[in-house]
Amino acid sequence: MVRGFGKCAAGVWLNQLMFARKIRVEYEENGSTLPCPLKWLDSFSMRSFTNFSVFDDTLPVADGELEIGSGVPLDDLRSSMEDWFRRKGYLPKGSHLLLVEK
């Protein structure tokens, strides 16, 4: 077996290091902190026009949960996600994202 690669139950080879960082993604609304819906995270991760290929190493896994590659800078990710979510009308005006590495 090649180092950094594992085999899942279905026999598909996966790169376990590519998405090695687990990130909690939340937003503030009316004084509460809420997990970003999977729909939002998926929308950001699926777009192919960021002109910043490092964001290709993002994988939404559940509401408020994102796995990212080791080369993804958190501050740039947060800023780009906030911009995208605002343009899509997801993130309320005055709200901010909180990204916390687990």
N, C-alpha and C. Protein backbone atom coordinates (compact mmCIF):
# COMPACT_ATOMS: atom_id res chain seq x y z
N MET A 1 0.85 -1.18 0.00
CA MET A 1 0.00 0.00 0.00
C MET A 1 0.89 1.24 0.00
N VAL A 2 0.55 2.24 -0.77
CA VAL A 2 1.30 3.47 -0.86
C VAL A 2 0.99 4.33 0.35
N ARG A 3 2.02 4.93 0.94
CA ARG A 3 1.81 5.77 2.12
C ARG A 3 0.87 6.94 1.78
N GLY A 4 -0.09 7.22 2.67
CA GLY A 4 -1.04 8.30 2.46
C GLY A 4 -2.29 7.87 1.71
N PHE A 5 -2.30 6.63 1.26
CA PHE A 5 -3.48 6.15 0.55
C PHE A 5 -4.11 5.04 1.38
N GLY A 6 -5.41 4.97 1.35
CA GLY A 6 -6.12 3.92 2.05
C GLY A 6 -7.16 3.33 1.14
N LYS A 7 -7.73 2.24 1.54
CA LYS A 7 -8.74 1.58 0.72
C LYS A 7 -10.05 1.60 1.50
N CYS A 8 -11.11 2.12 0.88
CA CYS A 8 -12.39 2.15 1.57
C CYS A 8 -13.07 0.79 1.40
N ALA A 9 -14.19 0.62 2.08
CA ALA A 9 -14.88 -0.67 2.09
C ALA A 9 -15.30 -1.11 0.69
N ALA A 10 -15.63 -0.18 -0.18
CA ALA A 10 -16.08 -0.53 -1.52
C ALA A 10 -14.92 -0.85 -2.46
N GLY A 11 -13.69 -0.72 -1.95
CA GLY A 11 -12.53 -1.04 -2.77
C GLY A 11 -11.99 0.13 -3.57
N VAL A 12 -12.50 1.32 -3.32
CA VAL A 12 -12.04 2.51 -4.01
C VAL A 12 -10.86 3.08 -3.25
N TRP A 13 -9.80 3.45 -4.00
CA TRP A 13 -8.62 4.04 -3.37
C TRP A 13 -8.87 5.51 -3.10
N LEU A 14 -8.56 5.93 -1.90
CA LEU A 14 -8.78 7.32 -1.50
C LEU A 14 -7.48 7.92 -0.97
N ASN A 15 -7.26 9.18 -1.25
CA ASN A 15 -6.13 9.89 -0.70
C ASN A 15 -6.56 10.48 0.63
N GLN A 16 -6.13 9.87 1.72
CA GLN A 16 -6.55 10.29 3.05
C GLN A 16 -5.90 11.60 3.48
N LEU A 17 -4.82 11.99 2.84
CA LEU A 17 -4.14 13.21 3.23
C LEU A 17 -4.70 14.44 2.51
N MET A 18 -5.36 14.25 1.39
CA MET A 18 -5.84 15.40 0.63
C MET A 18 -6.79 16.26 1.46
N PHE A 19 -7.71 15.65 2.15
CA PHE A 19 -8.69 16.37 2.95
C PHE A 19 -8.43 16.11 4.43
N ALA A 20 -7.18 16.30 4.85
CA ALA A 20 -6.76 15.92 6.19
C ALA A 20 -7.25 16.87 7.29
N ARG A 21 -7.63 18.09 6.94
CA ARG A 21 -8.05 19.06 7.95
C ARG A 21 -9.57 19.11 8.04
N LYS A 22 -10.08 19.03 9.25
CA LYS A 22 -11.52 19.07 9.51
C LYS A 22 -11.85 20.47 10.03
N ILE A 23 -12.79 21.13 9.37
CA ILE A 23 -13.13 22.51 9.69
C ILE A 23 -14.60 22.62 10.06
N ARG A 24 -14.87 23.33 11.13
CA ARG A 24 -16.25 23.66 11.52
C ARG A 24 -16.55 25.02 10.91
N VAL A 25 -17.66 25.14 10.16
CA VAL A 25 -18.03 26.38 9.49
C VAL A 25 -19.39 26.83 10.03
N GLU A 26 -19.39 27.99 10.70
CA GLU A 26 -20.61 28.52 11.29
C GLU A 26 -20.78 29.97 10.88
N TYR A 27 -22.01 30.47 11.02
CA TYR A 27 -22.27 31.88 10.77
C TYR A 27 -23.08 32.45 11.92
N GLU A 28 -22.97 33.77 12.07
CA GLU A 28 -23.69 34.46 13.14
C GLU A 28 -24.96 35.07 12.56
N GLU A 29 -26.06 34.88 13.29
CA GLU A 29 -27.33 35.50 12.88
C GLU A 29 -28.15 35.78 14.12
N ASN A 30 -28.52 37.05 14.30
CA ASN A 30 -29.34 37.47 15.45
C ASN A 30 -28.77 37.01 16.77
N GLY A 31 -27.46 37.10 16.93
CA GLY A 31 -26.82 36.74 18.19
C GLY A 31 -26.59 35.25 18.39
N SER A 32 -27.00 34.45 17.44
CA SER A 32 -26.79 33.00 17.53
C SER A 32 -25.73 32.56 16.54
N THR A 33 -25.06 31.47 16.87
CA THR A 33 -24.09 30.86 15.96
C THR A 33 -24.71 29.58 15.43
N LEU A 34 -24.79 29.49 14.10
CA LEU A 34 -25.44 28.36 13.44
C LEU A 34 -24.49 27.69 12.46
N PRO A 35 -24.62 26.37 12.29
CA PRO A 35 -23.78 25.70 11.28
C PRO A 35 -24.22 26.11 9.88
N CYS A 36 -23.27 26.33 8.99
CA CYS A 36 -23.61 26.63 7.60
C CYS A 36 -24.26 25.40 6.99
N PRO A 37 -25.38 25.59 6.33
CA PRO A 37 -26.04 24.45 5.69
C PRO A 37 -25.15 23.80 4.63
N LEU A 38 -25.29 22.52 4.49
CA LEU A 38 -24.53 21.77 3.50
C LEU A 38 -24.73 22.36 2.10
N LYS A 39 -25.93 22.83 1.81
CA LYS A 39 -26.23 23.45 0.51
C LYS A 39 -25.27 24.60 0.22
N TRP A 40 -25.00 25.44 1.24
CA TRP A 40 -24.09 26.57 1.07
C TRP A 40 -22.68 26.07 0.78
N LEU A 41 -22.22 25.15 1.62
CA LEU A 41 -20.86 24.63 1.49
C LEU A 41 -20.67 23.96 0.14
N ASP A 42 -21.67 23.20 -0.28
CA ASP A 42 -21.59 22.51 -1.56
C ASP A 42 -21.55 23.51 -2.71
N SER A 43 -22.33 24.55 -2.61
CA SER A 43 -22.36 25.58 -3.65
C SER A 43 -20.98 26.21 -3.81
N PHE A 44 -20.32 26.50 -2.70
CA PHE A 44 -18.98 27.09 -2.77
C PHE A 44 -17.98 26.09 -3.35
N SER A 45 -18.02 24.87 -2.87
CA SER A 45 -17.03 23.87 -3.29
C SER A 45 -17.20 23.43 -4.73
N MET A 46 -18.41 23.50 -5.26
CA MET A 46 -18.67 23.04 -6.62
C MET A 46 -18.37 24.09 -7.68
N ARG A 47 -18.26 25.34 -7.31
CA ARG A 47 -18.02 26.36 -8.33
C ARG A 47 -16.59 26.23 -8.85
N SER A 48 -16.42 26.46 -10.12
CA SER A 48 -15.12 26.23 -10.74
C SER A 48 -14.49 27.50 -11.27
N PHE A 49 -14.93 28.66 -10.77
CA PHE A 49 -14.42 29.91 -11.32
C PHE A 49 -13.75 30.79 -10.27
N THR A 50 -13.18 30.20 -9.24
CA THR A 50 -12.54 30.98 -8.19
C THR A 50 -11.23 31.59 -8.64
N ASN A 51 -10.60 31.02 -9.65
CA ASN A 51 -9.26 31.41 -10.07
C ASN A 51 -8.25 31.22 -8.93
N PHE A 52 -8.60 30.39 -7.97
CA PHE A 52 -7.71 30.06 -6.85
C PHE A 52 -7.82 28.55 -6.66
N SER A 53 -6.98 27.82 -7.36
CA SER A 53 -7.12 26.36 -7.42
C SER A 53 -7.00 25.67 -6.06
N VAL A 54 -6.42 26.33 -5.08
CA VAL A 54 -6.29 25.70 -3.77
C VAL A 54 -7.67 25.37 -3.18
N PHE A 55 -8.71 26.12 -3.59
CA PHE A 55 -10.05 25.84 -3.08
C PHE A 55 -10.66 24.59 -3.70
N ASP A 56 -9.99 24.02 -4.69
CA ASP A 56 -10.43 22.73 -5.22
C ASP A 56 -10.30 21.64 -4.17
N ASP A 57 -9.46 21.88 -3.17
CA ASP A 57 -9.24 20.92 -2.09
C ASP A 57 -10.18 21.17 -0.92
N THR A 58 -11.46 21.36 -1.22
CA THR A 58 -12.48 21.52 -0.18
C THR A 58 -13.58 20.49 -0.42
N LEU A 59 -14.00 19.85 0.64
CA LEU A 59 -15.01 18.80 0.54
C LEU A 59 -16.05 18.98 1.65
N PRO A 60 -17.27 19.43 1.31
CA PRO A 60 -18.33 19.53 2.31
C PRO A 60 -18.79 18.13 2.70
N VAL A 61 -18.95 17.89 4.00
CA VAL A 61 -19.37 16.56 4.45
C VAL A 61 -20.71 16.57 5.20
N ALA A 62 -21.09 17.71 5.77
CA ALA A 62 -22.35 17.80 6.51
C ALA A 62 -22.59 19.27 6.83
N ASP A 63 -23.76 19.58 7.37
CA ASP A 63 -24.01 20.95 7.81
C ASP A 63 -22.90 21.38 8.76
N GLY A 64 -22.25 22.48 8.43
CA GLY A 64 -21.21 23.04 9.29
C GLY A 64 -19.89 22.30 9.27
N GLU A 65 -19.72 21.32 8.40
CA GLU A 65 -18.49 20.53 8.38
C GLU A 65 -17.88 20.49 7.00
N LEU A 66 -16.59 20.84 6.95
CA LEU A 66 -15.86 20.90 5.70
C LEU A 66 -14.50 20.25 5.93
N GLU A 67 -14.07 19.46 4.99
CA GLU A 67 -12.72 18.90 5.04
C GLU A 67 -11.92 19.61 3.96
N ILE A 68 -10.69 20.00 4.31
CA ILE A 68 -9.87 20.76 3.37
C ILE A 68 -8.45 20.21 3.33
N GLY A 69 -7.76 20.55 2.25
CA GLY A 69 -6.37 20.14 2.09
C GLY A 69 -5.44 20.99 2.94
N SER A 70 -4.24 20.50 3.11
CA SER A 70 -3.26 21.18 3.96
C SER A 70 -2.82 22.53 3.40
N GLY A 71 -2.97 22.74 2.11
CA GLY A 71 -2.54 24.00 1.50
C GLY A 71 -3.59 25.09 1.47
N VAL A 72 -4.77 24.84 2.02
CA VAL A 72 -5.86 25.82 1.98
C VAL A 72 -5.70 26.79 3.16
N PRO A 73 -5.47 28.09 2.87
CA PRO A 73 -5.34 29.08 3.95
C PRO A 73 -6.71 29.46 4.51
N LEU A 74 -6.88 29.31 5.84
CA LEU A 74 -8.19 29.54 6.46
C LEU A 74 -8.70 30.96 6.28
N ASP A 75 -7.84 31.97 6.41
CA ASP A 75 -8.31 33.35 6.28
C ASP A 75 -8.82 33.63 4.87
N ASP A 76 -8.10 33.15 3.86
CA ASP A 76 -8.54 33.33 2.48
C ASP A 76 -9.82 32.55 2.20
N LEU A 77 -9.91 31.35 2.77
CA LEU A 77 -11.10 30.53 2.60
C LEU A 77 -12.32 31.24 3.21
N ARG A 78 -12.17 31.72 4.43
CA ARG A 78 -13.28 32.42 5.10
C ARG A 78 -13.72 33.63 4.28
N SER A 79 -12.78 34.44 3.84
CA SER A 79 -13.10 35.64 3.08
C SER A 79 -13.80 35.30 1.77
N SER A 80 -13.32 34.31 1.06
CA SER A 80 -13.92 33.91 -0.21
C SER A 80 -15.30 33.30 -0.01
N MET A 81 -15.46 32.52 1.06
CA MET A 81 -16.77 31.93 1.34
C MET A 81 -17.78 33.01 1.70
N GLU A 82 -17.37 33.97 2.53
CA GLU A 82 -18.28 35.06 2.89
C GLU A 82 -18.73 35.82 1.65
N ASP A 83 -17.79 36.12 0.78
CA ASP A 83 -18.11 36.85 -0.46
C ASP A 83 -19.10 36.05 -1.30
N TRP A 84 -18.83 34.76 -1.49
CA TRP A 84 -19.71 33.91 -2.31
C TRP A 84 -21.10 33.79 -1.68
N PHE A 85 -21.15 33.55 -0.37
CA PHE A 85 -22.44 33.38 0.31
C PHE A 85 -23.27 34.67 0.25
N ARG A 86 -22.62 35.82 0.34
CA ARG A 86 -23.35 37.09 0.23
C ARG A 86 -23.90 37.28 -1.18
N ARG A 87 -23.09 36.97 -2.20
CA ARG A 87 -23.54 37.12 -3.58
C ARG A 87 -24.71 36.19 -3.89
N LYS A 88 -24.72 35.01 -3.27
CA LYS A 88 -25.82 34.06 -3.46
C LYS A 88 -27.04 34.41 -2.62
N GLY A 89 -26.90 35.35 -1.69
CA GLY A 89 -28.01 35.72 -0.82
C GLY A 89 -28.18 34.79 0.37
N TYR A 90 -27.19 33.96 0.64
CA TYR A 90 -27.27 33.03 1.78
C TYR A 90 -26.94 33.72 3.10
N LEU A 91 -25.86 34.47 3.11
CA LEU A 91 -25.35 35.06 4.36
C LEU A 91 -26.02 36.40 4.59
N PRO A 92 -26.73 36.55 5.72
CA PRO A 92 -27.40 37.82 6.01
C PRO A 92 -26.39 38.97 6.14
N LYS A 93 -26.83 40.15 5.76
CA LYS A 93 -25.98 41.34 5.86
C LYS A 93 -25.55 41.52 7.31
N GLY A 94 -24.28 41.81 7.50
CA GLY A 94 -23.74 42.03 8.85
C GLY A 94 -23.31 40.74 9.53
N SER A 95 -23.63 39.60 8.96
CA SER A 95 -23.21 38.32 9.53
C SER A 95 -21.79 37.97 9.05
N HIS A 96 -21.12 37.18 9.83
CA HIS A 96 -19.76 36.76 9.50
C HIS A 96 -19.64 35.25 9.68
N LEU A 97 -18.70 34.67 8.97
CA LEU A 97 -18.41 33.25 9.12
C LEU A 97 -17.36 33.03 10.19
N LEU A 98 -17.50 31.92 10.86
CA LEU A 98 -16.50 31.45 11.83
C LEU A 98 -15.98 30.11 11.34
N LEU A 99 -14.70 30.02 11.09
CA LEU A 99 -14.08 28.78 10.68
C LEU A 99 -13.12 28.34 11.77
N VAL A 100 -13.34 27.14 12.28
CA VAL A 100 -12.51 26.61 13.37
C VAL A 100 -12.00 25.24 12.97
N GLU A 101 -10.68 25.09 13.03
CA GLU A 101 -10.09 23.81 12.72
C GLU A 101 -10.22 22.89 13.93
N LYS A 102 -10.70 21.67 13.69
CA LYS A 102 -10.90 20.71 14.78
C LYS A 102 -9.60 20.01 15.11
